[in-house]
Amino acid sequence: MTPRERTLVALALATLEDAQLEAKRGPVQTNAVRLALRTLLPHVAQRWPLEQFWDGAGGDNEIGRGQSLTASLNGIVLQLKAKGWRED
């Protein structure tokens, strides 16, 4: 992963983490979340955590939304780490 790609991945993850915190107040299917997920697409082996994050971001139930976003974000980070990404 190039330094530029590492920066983009870090920004995309920060956006998803912000959305995860914001999800306590309601659905977070925003353009920023969509762009962050699209940015991460070439860097993960499987699409399911990205799709699950998006679906969960639009959920009506606060607890279900929170659980879905947490599990999805963990899946995204695990896949990134498997490809050599590391948190700085």
Protein backbone atom coordinates (compact mmCIF):
# COMPACT_ATOMS: atom_id res chain seq x y z
CA MET A 1 0.00 0.00 0.00
CA THR A 2 1.42 3.37 -1.00
CA PRO A 3 1.58 6.27 1.46
CA ARG A 4 -1.26 7.95 -0.43
CA GLU A 5 -3.42 4.83 -0.17
CA ARG A 6 -2.63 4.52 3.55
CA THR A 7 -3.79 8.10 4.05
CA LEU A 8 -7.02 7.48 2.12
CA VAL A 9 -7.70 4.29 4.08
CA ALA A 10 -7.08 6.06 7.38
CA LEU A 11 -9.45 8.89 6.42
CA ALA A 12 -12.12 6.43 5.26
CA LEU A 13 -11.86 4.51 8.55
CA ALA A 14 -12.07 7.75 10.53
CA THR A 15 -15.26 8.62 8.63
CA LEU A 16 -16.76 5.22 9.44
CA GLU A 17 -15.75 5.53 13.10
CA ASP A 18 -17.43 8.95 13.26
CA ALA A 19 -20.55 7.48 11.67
CA GLN A 20 -20.51 4.66 14.21
CA LEU A 21 -20.56 7.21 17.05
CA GLU A 22 -23.19 9.33 15.30
CA ALA A 23 -25.41 6.26 14.80
CA LYS A 24 -26.54 6.50 18.42
CA ARG A 25 -28.77 9.39 17.31
CA GLY A 26 -30.18 7.86 14.16
CA PRO A 27 -29.46 6.35 10.74
CA VAL A 28 -26.18 7.44 9.14
CA GLN A 29 -26.50 6.47 5.48
CA THR A 30 -24.76 9.63 4.30
CA ASN A 31 -22.71 10.51 1.23
CA ALA A 32 -19.59 10.64 3.42
CA VAL A 33 -20.18 7.05 4.57
CA ARG A 34 -20.86 5.94 1.00
CA LEU A 35 -17.63 7.55 -0.22
CA ALA A 36 -15.63 6.02 2.64
CA LEU A 37 -16.96 2.55 1.85
CA ARG A 38 -16.25 3.03 -1.86
CA THR A 39 -12.70 4.14 -1.02
CA LEU A 40 -12.12 0.95 0.97
CA LEU A 41 -13.55 -1.39 -1.69
CA PRO A 42 -10.24 -2.06 -3.52
CA HIS A 43 -8.46 -2.71 -0.22
CA VAL A 44 -10.62 -5.52 1.19
CA ALA A 45 -10.85 -9.10 -0.03
CA GLN A 46 -14.56 -9.50 0.64
CA ARG A 47 -17.37 -6.99 0.17
CA TRP A 48 -19.68 -8.25 2.92
CA PRO A 49 -18.45 -5.97 5.74
CA LEU A 50 -18.79 -2.92 3.50
CA GLU A 51 -22.30 -3.91 2.43
CA GLN A 52 -23.23 -4.80 6.01
CA PHE A 53 -21.97 -1.43 7.25
CA TRP A 54 -24.10 0.39 4.68
CA ASP A 55 -27.18 -1.67 5.43
CA GLY A 56 -26.66 -1.27 9.17
CA ALA A 57 -26.14 2.47 8.83
CA GLY A 58 -29.72 2.80 7.64
CA GLY A 59 -31.27 0.68 10.37
CA ASP A 60 -34.13 2.03 12.47
CA ASN A 61 -33.27 0.16 15.68
CA GLU A 62 -30.53 1.90 17.69
CA ILE A 63 -29.16 -1.28 19.27
CA GLY A 64 -29.24 -3.27 16.03
CA ARG A 65 -27.64 -0.39 14.14
CA GLY A 66 -24.85 -0.12 16.70
CA GLN A 67 -24.16 -3.86 16.72
CA SER A 68 -24.16 -4.04 12.94
CA LEU A 69 -21.79 -1.11 12.54
CA THR A 70 -19.41 -2.43 15.19
CA ALA A 71 -19.26 -5.92 13.67
CA SER A 72 -18.87 -4.51 10.15
CA LEU A 73 -16.11 -2.12 11.12
CA ASN A 74 -14.25 -4.93 12.88
CA GLY A 75 -14.54 -7.04 9.72
CA ILE A 76 -13.23 -4.19 7.58
CA VAL A 77 -10.23 -3.60 9.86
CA LEU A 78 -9.40 -7.33 10.00
CA GLN A 79 -9.39 -7.54 6.21
CA LEU A 80 -7.21 -4.45 5.92
CA LYS A 81 -4.73 -5.86 8.43
CA ALA A 82 -4.64 -9.15 6.49
CA LYS A 83 -3.49 -7.14 3.46
CA GLY A 84 -0.72 -5.46 5.43
CA TRP A 85 -2.42 -2.26 6.58
CA ARG A 86 -1.45 -1.04 10.02
CA GLU A 87 -2.76 1.73 12.20
CA ASP A 88 -0.26 4.55 12.62
